[in-house]
């Protein structure tokens, strides 16, 4: 393999391994204050929140929000929705954002926690899918690396 091709291959591999440090933006609302925060979600009057600007929590010193969270709660037969930046947890269940963590308690209480970090505003109501641009770029990089390795 020529030295220029080795250099290009090294840059491609390095680019694939590096992660861009961007803050995520999430919807931040409560359905008890704003009925549009419930399901179906209507963000037409809400501004999206940059989680990097979210305040540091007193009980979580040094922890910054890196995900979005949607909480659906049923208390005594009444549904409530909370959307915000998430400081802790993992996306979805075992990394799959299509699934949410569910808990039930005494006194007729039900809670569902949905956490995501796949895109800005992922704590709306929709199902998250990998974008076609990400699939296309990943395929192109794989083909290029395979071509360079065969030479």
N, C-alpha and C. Protein backbone atom coordinates (compact mmCIF):
# COMPACT_ATOMS: atom_id res chain seq x y z
N UNK A 1 0.85 -1.16 0.00
CA UNK A 1 0.00 0.00 0.00
C UNK A 1 0.90 1.24 0.00
N UNK A 2 0.57 2.20 -0.81
CA UNK A 2 1.35 3.43 -0.92
C UNK A 2 1.18 4.27 0.34
N UNK A 3 2.16 5.12 0.60
CA UNK A 3 2.12 5.93 1.82
C UNK A 3 0.95 6.91 1.82
N UNK A 4 0.57 7.46 0.67
CA UNK A 4 -0.58 8.38 0.60
C UNK A 4 -1.87 7.64 0.95
N UNK A 5 -2.01 6.42 0.43
CA UNK A 5 -3.20 5.63 0.74
C UNK A 5 -3.25 5.26 2.22
N UNK A 6 -2.08 4.96 2.81
CA UNK A 6 -2.02 4.67 4.25
C UNK A 6 -2.44 5.88 5.06
N UNK A 7 -2.02 7.05 4.63
CA UNK A 7 -2.37 8.29 5.32
C UNK A 7 -3.88 8.55 5.25
N UNK A 8 -4.46 8.36 4.05
CA UNK A 8 -5.90 8.55 3.87
C UNK A 8 -6.67 7.55 4.73
N UNK A 9 -6.22 6.30 4.75
CA UNK A 9 -6.87 5.28 5.56
C UNK A 9 -6.79 5.63 7.05
N UNK A 10 -5.64 6.10 7.49
CA UNK A 10 -5.48 6.47 8.90
C UNK A 10 -6.40 7.63 9.27
N UNK A 11 -6.54 8.62 8.39
CA UNK A 11 -7.43 9.75 8.64
C UNK A 11 -8.88 9.29 8.69
N UNK A 12 -9.28 8.41 7.78
CA UNK A 12 -10.65 7.89 7.78
C UNK A 12 -10.97 7.13 9.06
N UNK A 13 -10.06 6.27 9.48
CA UNK A 13 -10.27 5.51 10.71
C UNK A 13 -10.35 6.45 11.90
N UNK A 14 -9.46 7.44 11.95
CA UNK A 14 -9.47 8.41 13.04
C UNK A 14 -10.77 9.20 13.07
N UNK A 15 -11.26 9.61 11.91
CA UNK A 15 -12.54 10.34 11.84
C UNK A 15 -13.70 9.49 12.34
N UNK A 16 -13.66 8.20 12.06
CA UNK A 16 -14.73 7.31 12.52
C UNK A 16 -14.69 7.10 14.03
N UNK A 17 -13.51 7.18 14.63
CA UNK A 17 -13.38 6.94 16.06
C UNK A 17 -13.65 8.18 16.90
N UNK A 18 -13.44 9.35 16.34
CA UNK A 18 -13.66 10.59 17.09
C UNK A 18 -15.14 10.91 17.19
N UNK A 19 -15.53 11.44 18.32
CA UNK A 19 -16.90 11.88 18.50
C UNK A 19 -16.90 13.39 18.65
N UNK A 20 -17.85 14.03 18.01
CA UNK A 20 -17.95 15.48 18.10
C UNK A 20 -18.67 15.81 19.40
N UNK A 21 -18.10 16.71 20.18
CA UNK A 21 -18.68 17.08 21.46
C UNK A 21 -19.74 18.16 21.29
N UNK A 22 -20.92 17.78 20.97
CA UNK A 22 -22.01 18.72 20.83
C UNK A 22 -23.02 18.49 21.94
N UNK A 23 -23.63 19.56 22.38
CA UNK A 23 -24.70 19.42 23.37
C UNK A 23 -25.99 19.07 22.65
N UNK A 24 -26.82 18.36 23.34
CA UNK A 24 -28.12 18.00 22.76
C UNK A 24 -29.15 19.04 23.17
N UNK A 25 -30.15 19.21 22.33
CA UNK A 25 -31.25 20.13 22.62
C UNK A 25 -32.51 19.30 22.83
N UNK A 26 -33.25 19.66 23.88
CA UNK A 26 -34.43 18.88 24.26
C UNK A 26 -35.62 19.79 24.50
N UNK A 27 -36.80 19.21 24.38
CA UNK A 27 -38.02 19.92 24.75
C UNK A 27 -38.10 19.94 26.26
N UNK A 28 -38.55 21.05 26.82
CA UNK A 28 -38.63 21.21 28.27
C UNK A 28 -40.00 21.78 28.62
N UNK A 29 -40.87 20.93 29.14
CA UNK A 29 -42.23 21.39 29.48
C UNK A 29 -42.88 20.39 30.43
N UNK A 30 -44.01 20.81 30.99
CA UNK A 30 -44.82 19.98 31.87
C UNK A 30 -46.27 20.13 31.45
N UNK A 31 -46.97 19.02 31.35
CA UNK A 31 -48.36 19.09 30.89
C UNK A 31 -49.28 19.72 31.93
N UNK A 32 -48.88 19.75 33.20
CA UNK A 32 -49.73 20.41 34.19
C UNK A 32 -49.66 21.93 34.07
N UNK A 33 -48.61 22.45 33.40
CA UNK A 33 -48.50 23.89 33.12
C UNK A 33 -48.91 24.24 31.70
N UNK A 34 -48.69 23.29 30.77
CA UNK A 34 -48.97 23.53 29.35
C UNK A 34 -49.57 22.26 28.74
N UNK A 35 -50.87 22.27 28.43
CA UNK A 35 -51.51 21.07 27.88
C UNK A 35 -50.89 20.58 26.57
N UNK A 36 -50.19 21.45 25.84
CA UNK A 36 -49.56 21.04 24.58
C UNK A 36 -48.38 20.09 24.82
N UNK A 37 -47.92 19.98 26.06
CA UNK A 37 -46.79 19.12 26.40
C UNK A 37 -47.19 17.64 26.44
N UNK A 38 -48.48 17.35 26.50
CA UNK A 38 -48.95 15.97 26.59
C UNK A 38 -48.82 15.24 25.27
N UNK A 39 -49.48 14.12 25.16
CA UNK A 39 -49.54 13.36 23.90
C UNK A 39 -50.94 13.48 23.35
N UNK A 40 -51.12 13.88 22.11
CA UNK A 40 -50.07 14.18 21.14
C UNK A 40 -49.35 15.48 21.50
N UNK A 41 -48.02 15.48 21.26
CA UNK A 41 -47.15 16.60 21.60
C UNK A 41 -47.26 17.69 20.53
N UNK A 42 -47.44 18.94 20.98
CA UNK A 42 -47.52 20.09 20.08
C UNK A 42 -46.45 21.09 20.49
N UNK A 43 -45.35 21.14 19.73
CA UNK A 43 -44.26 22.04 20.09
C UNK A 43 -44.34 23.39 19.37
N UNK A 44 -45.48 23.72 18.82
CA UNK A 44 -45.60 24.95 18.02
C UNK A 44 -45.36 26.22 18.82
N UNK A 45 -45.57 26.19 20.12
CA UNK A 45 -45.37 27.40 20.93
C UNK A 45 -44.19 27.26 21.89
N UNK A 46 -43.44 26.17 21.80
CA UNK A 46 -42.31 25.93 22.70
C UNK A 46 -40.99 26.20 22.00
N UNK A 47 -40.03 26.69 22.75
CA UNK A 47 -38.65 26.81 22.25
C UNK A 47 -37.87 25.61 22.76
N UNK A 48 -37.01 25.07 21.91
CA UNK A 48 -36.20 23.93 22.32
C UNK A 48 -35.09 24.43 23.24
N UNK A 49 -34.71 23.63 24.23
CA UNK A 49 -33.72 24.01 25.25
C UNK A 49 -32.37 23.39 24.93
N UNK A 50 -31.31 24.20 24.96
CA UNK A 50 -29.94 23.71 24.80
C UNK A 50 -29.51 23.15 26.15
N UNK A 51 -29.31 21.85 26.25
CA UNK A 51 -29.00 21.23 27.54
C UNK A 51 -27.64 21.66 28.09
N UNK A 52 -26.76 22.15 27.23
CA UNK A 52 -25.48 22.66 27.70
C UNK A 52 -25.69 23.89 28.59
N UNK A 53 -26.78 24.61 28.38
CA UNK A 53 -27.10 25.79 29.17
C UNK A 53 -27.92 25.47 30.42
N UNK A 54 -28.29 24.21 30.59
CA UNK A 54 -29.10 23.82 31.76
C UNK A 54 -28.28 24.00 33.03
N UNK A 55 -28.91 24.39 34.12
CA UNK A 55 -28.17 24.63 35.36
C UNK A 55 -27.61 23.34 35.95
N UNK A 56 -26.50 23.48 36.66
CA UNK A 56 -25.93 22.33 37.37
C UNK A 56 -26.83 22.04 38.57
N UNK A 57 -27.13 20.78 38.79
CA UNK A 57 -27.99 20.40 39.90
C UNK A 57 -27.17 20.26 41.18
N UNK A 58 -27.71 20.77 42.25
CA UNK A 58 -26.98 20.78 43.53
C UNK A 58 -26.61 19.37 43.99
N UNK A 59 -27.49 18.41 43.77
CA UNK A 59 -27.23 17.04 44.22
C UNK A 59 -26.44 16.21 43.22
N UNK A 60 -26.11 16.78 42.04
CA UNK A 60 -25.30 16.09 41.03
C UNK A 60 -24.16 16.99 40.58
N UNK A 61 -23.29 17.37 41.49
CA UNK A 61 -22.17 18.27 41.19
C UNK A 61 -21.30 17.69 40.07
N UNK A 62 -21.02 18.51 39.08
CA UNK A 62 -20.14 18.13 37.98
C UNK A 62 -20.78 17.27 36.90
N UNK A 63 -22.05 16.90 37.06
CA UNK A 63 -22.75 16.08 36.07
C UNK A 63 -23.52 17.00 35.14
N UNK A 64 -23.33 16.84 33.84
CA UNK A 64 -24.00 17.64 32.84
C UNK A 64 -25.03 16.79 32.10
N UNK A 65 -26.12 17.39 31.64
CA UNK A 65 -27.11 16.61 30.89
C UNK A 65 -26.59 16.26 29.50
N UNK A 66 -26.77 15.01 29.10
CA UNK A 66 -26.30 14.54 27.79
C UNK A 66 -27.40 13.87 26.99
N UNK A 67 -28.60 13.83 27.55
CA UNK A 67 -29.71 13.15 26.90
C UNK A 67 -31.00 13.94 27.11
N UNK A 68 -32.04 13.48 26.46
CA UNK A 68 -33.38 14.04 26.65
C UNK A 68 -34.23 12.98 27.35
N UNK A 69 -35.24 13.46 28.07
CA UNK A 69 -36.10 12.53 28.80
C UNK A 69 -37.55 12.95 28.64
N UNK A 70 -38.40 11.96 28.50
CA UNK A 70 -39.85 12.16 28.53
C UNK A 70 -40.39 11.23 29.61
N UNK A 71 -41.16 11.79 30.52
CA UNK A 71 -41.77 11.00 31.58
C UNK A 71 -43.28 11.09 31.41
N UNK A 72 -43.91 9.93 31.40
CA UNK A 72 -45.38 9.84 31.35
C UNK A 72 -45.80 9.25 32.68
N UNK A 73 -46.66 9.96 33.38
CA UNK A 73 -47.02 9.57 34.74
C UNK A 73 -48.54 9.56 34.91
N UNK A 74 -49.05 8.51 35.52
CA UNK A 74 -50.47 8.44 35.81
C UNK A 74 -50.63 8.40 37.33
N UNK A 75 -51.27 9.43 37.86
CA UNK A 75 -51.49 9.52 39.29
C UNK A 75 -52.99 9.65 39.53
N UNK A 76 -53.55 8.67 40.21
CA UNK A 76 -54.99 8.65 40.50
C UNK A 76 -55.83 8.86 39.25
N UNK A 77 -55.44 8.18 38.16
CA UNK A 77 -56.21 8.22 36.92
C UNK A 77 -55.93 9.41 36.01
N UNK A 78 -55.07 10.34 36.42
CA UNK A 78 -54.77 11.52 35.61
C UNK A 78 -53.37 11.40 35.01
N UNK A 79 -53.28 11.56 33.67
CA UNK A 79 -51.99 11.48 32.97
C UNK A 79 -51.28 12.82 33.01
N UNK A 80 -49.97 12.78 33.28
CA UNK A 80 -49.10 13.95 33.26
C UNK A 80 -47.86 13.62 32.43
N UNK A 81 -47.34 14.64 31.74
CA UNK A 81 -46.16 14.46 30.90
C UNK A 81 -45.11 15.49 31.29
N UNK A 82 -43.86 15.05 31.33
CA UNK A 82 -42.73 15.91 31.64
C UNK A 82 -41.66 15.66 30.58
N UNK A 83 -41.16 16.70 29.98
CA UNK A 83 -40.09 16.60 28.98
C UNK A 83 -38.96 17.51 29.44
N UNK A 84 -37.70 17.00 29.40
CA UNK A 84 -36.58 17.80 29.90
C UNK A 84 -35.25 17.20 29.46
N UNK A 85 -34.17 17.90 29.82
CA UNK A 85 -32.82 17.36 29.65
C UNK A 85 -32.61 16.30 30.72
N UNK A 86 -31.84 15.25 30.39
CA UNK A 86 -31.59 14.16 31.33
C UNK A 86 -30.12 14.16 31.75
N UNK A 87 -29.89 14.14 33.04
CA UNK A 87 -28.55 14.17 33.60
C UNK A 87 -27.95 12.78 33.77
N UNK A 88 -28.80 11.78 33.99
CA UNK A 88 -28.31 10.43 34.24
C UNK A 88 -29.16 9.42 33.50
N UNK A 89 -28.67 8.19 33.42
CA UNK A 89 -29.39 7.12 32.76
C UNK A 89 -28.71 6.72 31.47
N UNK A 90 -29.39 5.90 30.72
CA UNK A 90 -28.90 5.48 29.41
C UNK A 90 -30.05 5.56 28.43
N UNK A 91 -29.73 5.74 27.14
CA UNK A 91 -30.81 5.84 26.15
C UNK A 91 -31.61 4.55 26.07
N UNK A 92 -32.91 4.67 26.21
CA UNK A 92 -33.80 3.52 26.06
C UNK A 92 -33.51 2.41 27.05
N UNK A 93 -33.75 1.20 26.61
CA UNK A 93 -33.40 0.01 27.39
C UNK A 93 -32.32 -0.72 26.62
N UNK A 94 -31.17 -0.89 27.26
CA UNK A 94 -29.99 -1.49 26.63
C UNK A 94 -29.62 -0.77 25.34
N UNK A 95 -29.78 0.56 25.33
CA UNK A 95 -29.39 1.37 24.19
C UNK A 95 -30.44 1.50 23.09
N UNK A 96 -31.54 0.81 23.20
CA UNK A 96 -32.59 0.88 22.18
C UNK A 96 -33.64 1.90 22.62
N UNK A 97 -33.65 3.05 21.95
CA UNK A 97 -34.52 4.16 22.33
C UNK A 97 -36.00 3.90 22.06
N UNK A 98 -36.33 2.83 21.37
CA UNK A 98 -37.74 2.53 21.11
C UNK A 98 -38.44 2.03 22.36
N UNK A 99 -37.68 1.65 23.37
CA UNK A 99 -38.26 1.07 24.59
C UNK A 99 -38.04 2.00 25.78
N UNK A 100 -39.01 2.04 26.65
CA UNK A 100 -38.98 2.91 27.82
C UNK A 100 -39.03 2.06 29.09
N UNK A 101 -38.50 2.61 30.17
CA UNK A 101 -38.52 1.96 31.46
C UNK A 101 -39.85 2.26 32.14
N UNK A 102 -40.56 1.24 32.59
CA UNK A 102 -41.87 1.42 33.22
C UNK A 102 -41.83 0.97 34.67
N UNK A 103 -42.51 1.74 35.51
CA UNK A 103 -42.59 1.44 36.94
C UNK A 103 -44.02 1.65 37.42
N UNK A 104 -44.45 0.81 38.34
CA UNK A 104 -45.75 1.00 38.98
C UNK A 104 -45.53 1.04 40.48
N UNK A 105 -46.43 1.70 41.16
CA UNK A 105 -46.30 1.82 42.60
C UNK A 105 -47.65 1.71 43.27
N UNK A 106 -47.62 1.86 44.55
CA UNK A 106 -48.87 1.82 45.30
C UNK A 106 -49.67 3.09 45.05
N UNK A 107 -50.88 3.11 45.48
CA UNK A 107 -51.78 4.26 45.34
C UNK A 107 -52.07 4.60 43.87
N UNK A 108 -52.15 3.56 43.01
CA UNK A 108 -52.55 3.75 41.61
C UNK A 108 -51.62 4.71 40.87
N UNK A 109 -50.30 4.50 41.00
CA UNK A 109 -49.30 5.34 40.32
C UNK A 109 -48.58 4.50 39.29
N UNK A 110 -48.43 5.04 38.07
CA UNK A 110 -47.72 4.40 36.96
C UNK A 110 -46.77 5.43 36.36
N UNK A 111 -45.52 5.03 36.07
CA UNK A 111 -44.56 5.94 35.44
C UNK A 111 -43.83 5.24 34.31
N UNK A 112 -43.57 6.00 33.26
CA UNK A 112 -42.82 5.52 32.11
C UNK A 112 -41.72 6.55 31.82
N UNK A 113 -40.45 6.11 31.82
CA UNK A 113 -39.31 6.97 31.55
C UNK A 113 -38.74 6.62 30.19
N UNK A 114 -38.70 7.60 29.28
CA UNK A 114 -38.10 7.40 27.96
C UNK A 114 -36.91 8.35 27.85
N UNK A 115 -35.71 7.81 27.63
CA UNK A 115 -34.50 8.61 27.55
C UNK A 115 -33.86 8.38 26.18
N UNK A 116 -33.36 9.47 25.57
CA UNK A 116 -32.80 9.37 24.23
C UNK A 116 -31.68 10.38 24.03
N UNK A 117 -30.84 10.13 23.05
CA UNK A 117 -29.80 11.08 22.66
C UNK A 117 -29.49 10.99 21.17
N UNK A 118 -30.41 10.44 20.39
CA UNK A 118 -30.16 10.22 18.97
C UNK A 118 -30.20 11.49 18.14
N UNK A 119 -30.94 12.50 18.58
CA UNK A 119 -31.03 13.75 17.83
C UNK A 119 -31.65 14.82 18.71
N UNK A 120 -31.48 16.06 18.32
CA UNK A 120 -32.12 17.16 19.04
C UNK A 120 -33.62 16.97 19.02
N UNK A 121 -34.25 17.22 20.16
CA UNK A 121 -35.70 17.12 20.25
C UNK A 121 -36.22 15.70 20.24
N UNK A 122 -35.38 14.72 20.57
CA UNK A 122 -35.82 13.32 20.50
C UNK A 122 -36.83 12.98 21.59
N UNK A 123 -37.08 13.88 22.54
CA UNK A 123 -38.08 13.58 23.57
C UNK A 123 -39.47 14.08 23.18
N UNK A 124 -39.70 14.19 21.87
CA UNK A 124 -41.07 14.40 21.39
C UNK A 124 -41.74 13.03 21.41
N UNK A 125 -42.77 12.83 20.65
CA UNK A 125 -43.51 11.56 20.76
C UNK A 125 -43.11 10.53 19.73
N UNK A 126 -42.29 10.86 18.75
CA UNK A 126 -42.03 9.96 17.63
C UNK A 126 -41.06 8.83 17.92
N UNK A 127 -41.08 7.83 17.05
CA UNK A 127 -40.12 6.73 17.10
C UNK A 127 -38.87 7.18 16.36
N UNK A 128 -37.72 6.80 16.86
CA UNK A 128 -36.46 7.29 16.32
C UNK A 128 -35.87 6.28 15.34
N UNK A 129 -35.42 6.77 14.23
CA UNK A 129 -34.80 5.90 13.23
C UNK A 129 -33.48 6.52 12.79
N UNK A 130 -32.56 5.65 12.35
CA UNK A 130 -31.29 6.11 11.83
C UNK A 130 -31.52 6.80 10.50
N UNK A 131 -30.98 7.99 10.34
CA UNK A 131 -31.17 8.75 9.13
C UNK A 131 -30.51 8.12 7.92
N UNK A 132 -31.08 8.36 6.74
CA UNK A 132 -30.53 7.77 5.52
C UNK A 132 -29.15 8.33 5.21
N UNK A 133 -28.86 9.56 5.63
CA UNK A 133 -27.54 10.16 5.38
C UNK A 133 -26.46 9.42 6.19
N UNK A 134 -26.77 9.03 7.41
CA UNK A 134 -25.82 8.28 8.23
C UNK A 134 -25.54 6.91 7.62
N UNK A 135 -26.57 6.25 7.13
CA UNK A 135 -26.39 4.94 6.49
C UNK A 135 -25.55 5.08 5.22
N UNK A 136 -25.84 6.09 4.40
CA UNK A 136 -25.10 6.29 3.17
C UNK A 136 -23.63 6.61 3.44
N UNK A 137 -23.35 7.51 4.38
CA UNK A 137 -21.96 7.87 4.65
C UNK A 137 -21.19 6.70 5.25
N UNK A 138 -21.84 5.91 6.13
CA UNK A 138 -21.18 4.73 6.68
C UNK A 138 -20.84 3.70 5.62
N UNK A 139 -21.75 3.51 4.66
CA UNK A 139 -21.52 2.58 3.56
C UNK A 139 -20.37 3.05 2.68
N UNK A 140 -20.35 4.34 2.37
CA UNK A 140 -19.27 4.88 1.52
C UNK A 140 -17.91 4.75 2.19
N UNK A 141 -17.83 5.04 3.47
CA UNK A 141 -16.55 4.91 4.18
C UNK A 141 -16.11 3.45 4.19
N UNK A 142 -17.04 2.52 4.41
CA UNK A 142 -16.70 1.10 4.42
C UNK A 142 -16.17 0.63 3.06
N UNK A 143 -16.82 1.08 1.99
CA UNK A 143 -16.38 0.71 0.64
C UNK A 143 -14.99 1.27 0.36
N UNK A 144 -14.76 2.52 0.74
CA UNK A 144 -13.45 3.15 0.51
C UNK A 144 -12.35 2.44 1.29
N UNK A 145 -12.59 2.12 2.56
CA UNK A 145 -11.60 1.42 3.37
C UNK A 145 -11.33 0.04 2.79
N UNK A 146 -12.37 -0.69 2.36
CA UNK A 146 -12.18 -2.01 1.77
C UNK A 146 -11.36 -1.92 0.47
N UNK A 147 -11.61 -0.91 -0.33
CA UNK A 147 -10.86 -0.72 -1.57
C UNK A 147 -9.39 -0.44 -1.28
N UNK A 148 -9.12 0.41 -0.31
CA UNK A 148 -7.73 0.74 0.02
C UNK A 148 -7.00 -0.45 0.62
N UNK A 149 -7.68 -1.28 1.39
CA UNK A 149 -7.04 -2.45 1.98
C UNK A 149 -6.73 -3.53 0.96
N UNK A 150 -7.50 -3.61 -0.13
CA UNK A 150 -7.25 -4.64 -1.16
C UNK A 150 -6.03 -4.33 -2.00
N UNK A 151 -5.62 -3.09 -2.04
CA UNK A 151 -4.48 -2.74 -2.91
C UNK A 151 -3.17 -3.05 -2.28
